[in-house]
Amino acid sequence: MKKPINWKKIMWNSCWILFSIGLIVLFGASIQQKNKKKFSAIKIDIKGAEKHLFIDEKDVMDLLLANGPIQGNFIHSLPLRKMETAVEQNKWVKNAEMYFDNNQVLQISIEERQPVARIFQTDGGSFYLDTTAVMLPLSNKISARVPAFTGFAKESIRDTLLIQQIIDLAKFIGSDSFFTAQISQIDIRTDKKFEMVPLIGDHIIVFGDATDLTNKFKKLKAFYQSVWLPNGMNTYETLDLQYKNQLVAVKKGTAKAATDSAAAMILLKNNALFPPIIDSIAPKKVDSIPKKSSAPPARVNKNKKTNSTKFPKQKNNKKNQKPLRT
């Protein structure tokens, strides 16, 4: 026996299909109608401009107008993806997005690159470095207040390990208000280790490589708080943070070679923040000729007669003593 046809279900399904087709047609017609309109305005939003402003609205418009005028054109005639790529050609633009809103306004969203360090090369060149290791050109509009690194060799551009250490070190300093104000310059030595020049205090901070950053800066801050300020800002010549769990502080006038012996003597106690600081350590001098005694010589009684003949010791016993015959 054949199953009866459910005409009601067929009608409902047909209505839904026709409704969906209608929505698609209306949606397509609205898009077509919108594309035939001309956009009314351009709105540019630059993210990151609250810290730096290496690119502004005028720069973005210059990039957009490089291939001809765009205002007054129909919406459908503007290649948004090509325009985004053109704007991203600027080194300071990290990302660019463009779209039209319901009021036919061209919305342009720009994400600006944020420099973390300024690099001074040994050949006289200079550039900024951002968090993604992109080298950024200098700007005549503004100078970023970021840590300055000197002594960067030109061939080090291909040294990804060194560049990453620079980024890590610069980010750490930039995240701490105290060290942002205190560290004015970081010098890159020929062995690719770092030395810091502070803004306050006539001393050099031997930092080593950019490993164990948290503990190294913790030791340095603790030294400043508990030793440096009480003893005077210009007391020390070198603060060495290279050794694990210790800080070697050398006073002015102390031989630099003494720091090697100091490293073995300054050991951190268990669970201590940093070891006792030996202000200045110099190797002890050992005299080859023994020093003369400073005590005065014993006095000799000239009136007392001395017998050169040695007699055996006698017991202190009065009963056994006999008078000597003359």
Protein backbone atom coordinates (compact mmCIF):
# COMPACT_ATOMS: atom_id res chain seq x y z
CA MET A 1 0.00 0.00 0.00
CA LYS A 2 1.43 3.34 -1.04
CA LYS A 3 2.14 5.96 1.63
CA PRO A 4 -0.06 9.09 1.17
CA ILE A 5 1.76 12.20 -0.04
CA ASN A 6 2.24 14.89 2.64
CA TRP A 7 1.33 17.97 0.62
CA LYS A 8 1.51 20.17 3.69
CA LYS A 9 5.17 19.34 4.28
CA ILE A 10 5.99 19.87 0.63
CA MET A 11 4.34 23.32 0.72
CA TRP A 12 6.32 24.36 3.80
CA ASN A 13 9.61 23.22 2.29
CA SER A 14 8.85 25.04 -0.95
CA CYS A 15 8.04 28.23 0.94
CA TRP A 16 11.33 28.08 2.85
CA ILE A 17 13.29 27.54 -0.35
CA LEU A 18 11.59 30.48 -2.05
CA PHE A 19 12.15 32.65 1.04
CA SER A 20 15.87 31.82 1.10
CA ILE A 21 16.20 32.56 -2.61
CA GLY A 22 14.46 35.88 -2.06
CA LEU A 23 16.84 36.84 0.76
CA ILE A 24 19.84 36.01 -1.41
CA VAL A 25 18.48 38.11 -4.25
CA LEU A 26 17.73 41.05 -1.96
CA PHE A 27 21.17 40.79 -0.35
CA GLY A 28 22.87 40.71 -3.72
CA ALA A 29 20.77 43.65 -4.94
CA SER A 30 21.67 45.69 -1.85
CA ILE A 31 25.37 44.98 -2.37
CA GLN A 32 25.05 45.91 -6.02
CA GLN A 33 23.26 49.10 -5.07
CA LYS A 34 25.90 49.92 -2.47
CA ASN A 35 28.73 49.36 -4.93
CA LYS A 36 27.17 51.87 -7.29
CA LYS A 37 27.37 54.53 -4.60
CA LYS A 38 30.33 56.81 -4.04
CA PHE A 39 31.99 56.74 -0.65
CA SER A 40 31.34 59.85 1.40
CA ALA A 41 34.41 60.18 3.62
CA ILE A 42 37.59 58.59 4.92
CA LYS A 43 38.23 57.92 8.61
CA ILE A 44 41.75 56.89 9.73
CA ASP A 45 42.43 55.31 13.12
CA ILE A 46 46.07 54.72 14.16
CA LYS A 47 46.60 52.37 17.08
CA GLY A 48 49.69 52.91 19.18
CA ALA A 49 49.77 56.66 18.55
CA GLU A 50 49.33 57.31 22.29
CA LYS A 51 53.03 56.36 22.79
CA HIS A 52 54.66 57.36 19.50
CA LEU A 53 53.48 58.94 16.29
CA PHE A 54 55.95 57.98 13.59
CA ILE A 55 53.14 57.84 11.03
CA ASP A 56 50.11 60.14 10.91
CA GLU A 57 46.94 60.62 8.83
CA LYS A 58 48.78 62.68 6.22
CA ASP A 59 51.31 59.89 5.67
CA VAL A 60 48.49 57.37 5.18
CA MET A 61 46.71 59.62 2.68
CA ASP A 62 49.95 60.15 0.75
CA LEU A 63 50.32 56.37 0.43
CA LEU A 64 46.71 55.99 -0.73
CA LEU A 65 46.98 58.78 -3.30
CA ALA A 66 50.32 57.55 -4.69
CA ASN A 67 48.47 55.75 -7.52
CA GLY A 68 45.96 58.49 -8.20
CA PRO A 69 42.95 60.16 -6.53
CA ILE A 70 40.40 57.93 -4.81
CA GLN A 71 37.80 60.40 -3.56
CA GLY A 72 34.68 60.59 -5.71
CA ASN A 73 35.10 57.03 -7.04
CA PHE A 74 32.49 54.33 -6.75
CA ILE A 75 32.85 51.88 -3.89
CA HIS A 76 33.12 48.88 -6.18
CA SER A 77 35.99 50.48 -8.10
CA LEU A 78 38.31 50.69 -5.11
CA PRO A 79 40.68 47.69 -4.68
CA LEU A 80 40.79 47.61 -0.90
CA ARG A 81 43.27 44.74 -0.66
CA LYS A 82 45.71 46.48 -2.99
CA MET A 83 45.32 49.68 -0.98
CA GLU A 84 46.09 47.83 2.26
CA THR A 85 49.26 46.40 0.75
CA ALA A 86 50.32 49.87 -0.42
CA VAL A 87 49.94 51.30 3.09
CA GLU A 88 51.81 48.37 4.64
CA GLN A 89 54.83 49.23 2.50
CA ASN A 90 55.60 51.87 5.09
CA LYS A 91 58.06 50.41 7.62
CA TRP A 92 56.17 51.91 10.54
CA VAL A 93 52.88 50.21 9.60
CA LYS A 94 52.55 46.76 11.14
CA ASN A 95 49.06 46.05 9.82
CA ALA A 96 46.40 47.89 7.77
CA GLU A 97 42.70 47.05 7.39
CA MET A 98 40.11 48.87 5.24
CA TYR A 99 36.34 48.47 4.89
CA PHE A 100 33.20 50.51 4.15
CA ASP A 101 30.59 51.00 6.88
CA ASN A 102 26.83 51.43 6.31
CA ASN A 103 27.28 55.18 5.79
CA GLN A 104 29.71 54.63 2.89
CA VAL A 105 32.60 55.86 5.01
CA LEU A 106 35.96 54.24 4.25
CA GLN A 107 37.30 53.04 7.60
CA ILE A 108 41.09 52.65 7.71
CA SER A 109 42.60 50.96 10.77
CA ILE A 110 46.40 51.23 11.14
CA GLU A 111 48.52 49.39 13.70
CA GLU A 112 51.78 51.23 14.20
CA ARG A 113 55.02 49.44 15.06
CA GLN A 114 56.38 50.18 18.51
CA PRO A 115 60.18 50.55 18.83
CA VAL A 116 61.81 49.05 21.93
CA ALA A 117 65.46 50.00 21.33
CA ARG A 118 67.58 52.45 19.38
CA ILE A 119 70.74 50.97 17.87
CA PHE A 120 73.89 52.99 17.17
CA GLN A 121 76.21 51.22 14.74
CA THR A 122 79.99 51.41 14.82
CA ASP A 123 79.97 52.87 11.29
CA GLY A 124 77.84 55.82 12.41
CA GLY A 125 74.42 54.55 11.32
CA SER A 126 71.40 54.36 13.61
CA PHE A 127 67.98 52.71 13.54
CA TYR A 128 65.16 51.54 15.80
CA LEU A 129 64.29 47.93 16.58
CA ASP A 130 60.78 46.68 17.34
CA THR A 131 59.60 43.59 19.22
CA THR A 132 59.55 41.46 16.05
CA ALA A 133 63.20 42.30 15.19
CA VAL A 134 62.19 44.64 12.34
CA MET A 135 64.68 47.46 11.75
CA LEU A 136 62.89 50.80 11.59
CA PRO A 137 64.25 54.05 10.15
CA LEU A 138 64.64 57.23 12.17
CA SER A 139 61.91 59.84 11.98
CA ASN A 140 62.24 63.59 11.73
CA LYS A 141 58.93 63.96 13.60
CA ILE A 142 59.67 62.42 16.95
CA SER A 143 62.42 60.61 18.86
CA ALA A 144 61.36 57.56 20.82
CA ARG A 145 62.39 57.38 24.49
CA VAL A 146 63.78 53.85 24.42
CA PRO A 147 67.06 52.27 25.67
CA ALA A 148 70.06 53.16 23.50
CA PHE A 149 72.53 50.44 22.46
CA THR A 150 75.97 51.43 21.19
CA GLY A 151 78.81 49.47 19.61
CA PHE A 152 76.59 47.48 17.22
CA ALA A 153 78.76 46.11 14.39
CA LYS A 154 77.30 46.17 10.89
CA GLU A 155 77.78 42.43 10.39
CA SER A 156 75.74 41.76 13.56
CA ILE A 157 72.54 42.46 11.61
CA ARG A 158 72.50 38.75 10.72
CA ASP A 159 73.15 37.68 14.31
CA THR A 160 69.61 36.71 15.35
CA LEU A 161 70.72 35.61 18.84
CA LEU A 162 72.30 38.98 19.63
CA ILE A 163 69.31 40.89 18.24
CA GLN A 164 66.91 38.81 20.35
CA GLN A 165 69.02 39.49 23.46
CA ILE A 166 68.87 43.22 22.69
CA ILE A 167 65.06 43.02 22.40
CA ASP A 168 64.71 41.07 25.66
CA LEU A 169 67.00 43.46 27.54
CA ALA A 170 65.30 46.56 26.12
CA LYS A 171 61.81 45.24 26.93
CA PHE A 172 62.80 44.48 30.53
CA ILE A 173 64.31 47.94 31.07
CA GLY A 174 61.31 49.58 29.41
CA SER A 175 58.90 47.73 31.71
CA ASP A 176 60.58 49.01 34.90
CA SER A 177 60.26 52.72 35.65
CA PHE A 178 63.36 52.76 37.90
CA PHE A 179 65.71 51.24 35.32
CA THR A 180 64.12 53.25 32.50
CA ALA A 181 65.23 56.38 34.34
CA GLN A 182 68.59 55.00 35.55
CA ILE A 183 70.06 53.18 32.53
CA SER A 184 71.04 55.73 29.91
CA GLN A 185 73.17 53.59 27.59
CA ILE A 186 74.00 49.92 26.95
CA ASP A 187 77.28 49.21 25.20
CA ILE A 188 77.73 46.00 23.16
CA ARG A 189 81.26 44.70 23.66
CA THR A 190 83.22 42.84 21.01
CA ASP A 191 82.47 39.55 22.80
CA LYS A 192 78.72 40.38 22.38
CA LYS A 193 78.17 40.98 26.08
CA PHE A 194 76.64 44.11 27.58
CA GLU A 195 77.93 46.93 29.77
CA MET A 196 75.58 49.62 31.08
CA VAL A 197 76.22 53.29 31.75
CA PRO A 198 73.89 54.66 34.47
CA LEU A 199 72.46 58.14 34.47
CA ILE A 200 73.28 58.70 38.16
CA GLY A 201 76.58 57.47 39.56
CA ASP A 202 80.08 57.32 38.13
CA HIS A 203 80.37 53.56 37.63
CA ILE A 204 80.01 50.86 34.96
CA ILE A 205 77.60 47.92 35.24
CA VAL A 206 79.11 44.76 33.74
CA PHE A 207 75.96 42.85 32.83
CA GLY A 208 77.23 39.97 30.70
CA ASP A 209 74.74 38.35 28.33
CA ALA A 210 70.97 38.83 28.51
CA THR A 211 70.24 35.62 30.40
CA ASP A 212 68.68 35.45 33.88
CA LEU A 213 67.45 39.04 33.52
CA THR A 214 65.11 39.02 36.52
CA ASN A 215 67.73 37.90 39.06
CA LYS A 216 70.42 40.21 37.68
CA PHE A 217 68.23 43.31 37.90
CA LYS A 218 66.94 42.21 41.32
CA LYS A 219 70.52 42.07 42.63
CA LEU A 220 71.31 45.45 41.09
CA LYS A 221 68.25 47.13 42.60
CA ALA A 222 68.97 45.59 46.02
CA PHE A 223 72.56 46.84 45.83
CA TYR A 224 71.40 50.36 44.99
CA GLN A 225 68.98 50.38 47.92
CA SER A 226 71.16 48.86 50.66
CA VAL A 227 74.79 49.63 49.73
CA TRP A 228 75.10 52.25 47.02
CA LEU A 229 73.00 55.03 48.58
CA PRO A 230 74.47 54.76 52.11
CA ASN A 231 78.09 54.62 50.86
CA GLY A 232 77.79 57.37 48.26
CA MET A 233 76.92 57.47 44.58
CA ASN A 234 80.48 57.91 43.35
CA THR A 235 82.16 55.34 45.60
CA TYR A 236 82.19 52.42 43.19
CA GLU A 237 83.94 51.96 39.88
CA THR A 238 82.40 48.69 38.67
CA LEU A 239 79.37 46.57 39.52
CA ASP A 240 79.70 43.09 38.03
CA LEU A 241 76.51 41.01 37.64
CA GLN A 242 77.95 38.23 35.47
CA TYR A 243 78.42 35.68 38.22
CA LYS A 244 75.51 33.55 39.38
CA ASN A 245 74.02 34.46 42.76
CA GLN A 246 76.60 37.14 43.48
CA LEU A 247 77.45 40.76 42.84
CA VAL A 248 81.04 42.00 42.75
CA ALA A 249 81.41 45.66 43.65
CA VAL A 250 84.80 47.29 43.11
CA LYS A 251 85.66 50.61 44.69
CA LYS A 252 87.46 53.30 42.76
CA GLY A 253 91.21 52.86 42.65
CA THR A 254 91.04 49.08 43.06
CA ALA A 255 92.91 47.04 40.47
CA LYS A 256 90.61 45.51 37.91
CA ALA A 257 92.42 42.18 38.26
CA ALA A 258 91.14 41.94 41.82
CA THR A 259 87.64 41.14 40.55
CA ASP A 260 88.81 37.65 39.57
CA SER A 261 89.80 36.83 43.12
CA ALA A 262 86.65 38.52 44.38
CA ALA A 263 84.46 36.18 42.36
CA ALA A 264 85.66 33.18 44.34
CA MET A 265 85.26 34.92 47.70
CA ILE A 266 81.78 36.39 47.36
CA LEU A 267 79.31 33.52 47.61
CA LEU A 268 75.58 33.80 48.06
CA LYS A 269 74.13 32.19 51.16
CA ASN A 270 71.20 29.81 50.72
CA ASN A 271 67.96 31.60 49.88
CA ALA A 272 69.62 35.02 50.23
CA LEU A 273 68.83 37.79 47.81
CA PHE A 274 72.47 38.68 47.18
CA PRO A 275 75.77 38.02 48.96
CA PRO A 276 77.61 40.34 51.34
CA ILE A 277 79.36 42.94 49.23
CA ILE A 278 83.13 43.25 49.51
CA ASP A 279 83.73 46.88 48.60
CA SER A 280 87.27 46.49 47.39
CA ILE A 281 89.43 43.42 47.24
CA ALA A 282 93.15 43.59 46.54
CA PRO A 283 95.60 40.69 46.71
CA LYS A 284 97.58 40.61 49.95
CA LYS A 285 101.30 41.32 49.63
CA VAL A 286 103.59 38.70 51.12
CA ASP A 287 106.96 40.08 52.27
CA SER A 288 109.94 37.93 51.27
CA ILE A 289 112.05 39.33 54.19
CA PRO A 290 110.53 38.92 57.66
CA LYS A 291 109.85 42.19 59.37
CA LYS A 292 111.90 43.17 62.39
CA SER A 293 110.13 43.09 65.71
CA SER A 294 108.93 46.45 66.83
CA ALA A 295 109.35 45.51 70.57
CA PRO A 296 112.31 47.22 72.36
CA PRO A 297 115.33 45.00 73.15
CA ALA A 298 115.57 43.53 76.64
CA ARG A 299 117.77 45.48 79.10
CA VAL A 300 120.95 43.85 80.39
CA ASN A 301 122.06 44.46 84.00
CA LYS A 302 125.80 45.20 83.75
CA ASN A 303 126.40 44.92 87.54
CA LYS A 304 125.17 41.36 87.68
CA LYS A 305 127.87 38.72 87.19
CA THR A 306 127.05 35.90 84.96
CA ASN A 307 128.68 32.48 85.08
CA SER A 308 129.39 30.98 81.73
CA THR A 309 129.57 27.49 83.23
CA LYS A 310 126.31 25.65 83.02
CA PHE A 311 125.25 23.75 86.10
CA PRO A 312 122.58 21.10 86.19
CA LYS A 313 119.22 22.20 87.47
CA GLN A 314 118.75 21.56 91.14
CA LYS A 315 115.51 20.64 92.72
CA ASN A 316 113.88 23.29 94.80
CA ASN A 317 114.18 21.32 98.07
CA LYS A 318 115.73 23.08 101.08
CA LYS A 319 116.38 19.84 103.00
CA ASN A 320 118.66 18.43 100.33
CA GLN A 321 120.57 21.69 99.82
CA LYS A 322 124.14 21.81 101.36
CA PRO A 323 126.18 24.95 101.96
CA LEU A 324 128.94 25.54 99.50
CA ARG A 325 132.47 25.35 100.84
CA THR A 326 134.72 28.29 100.23
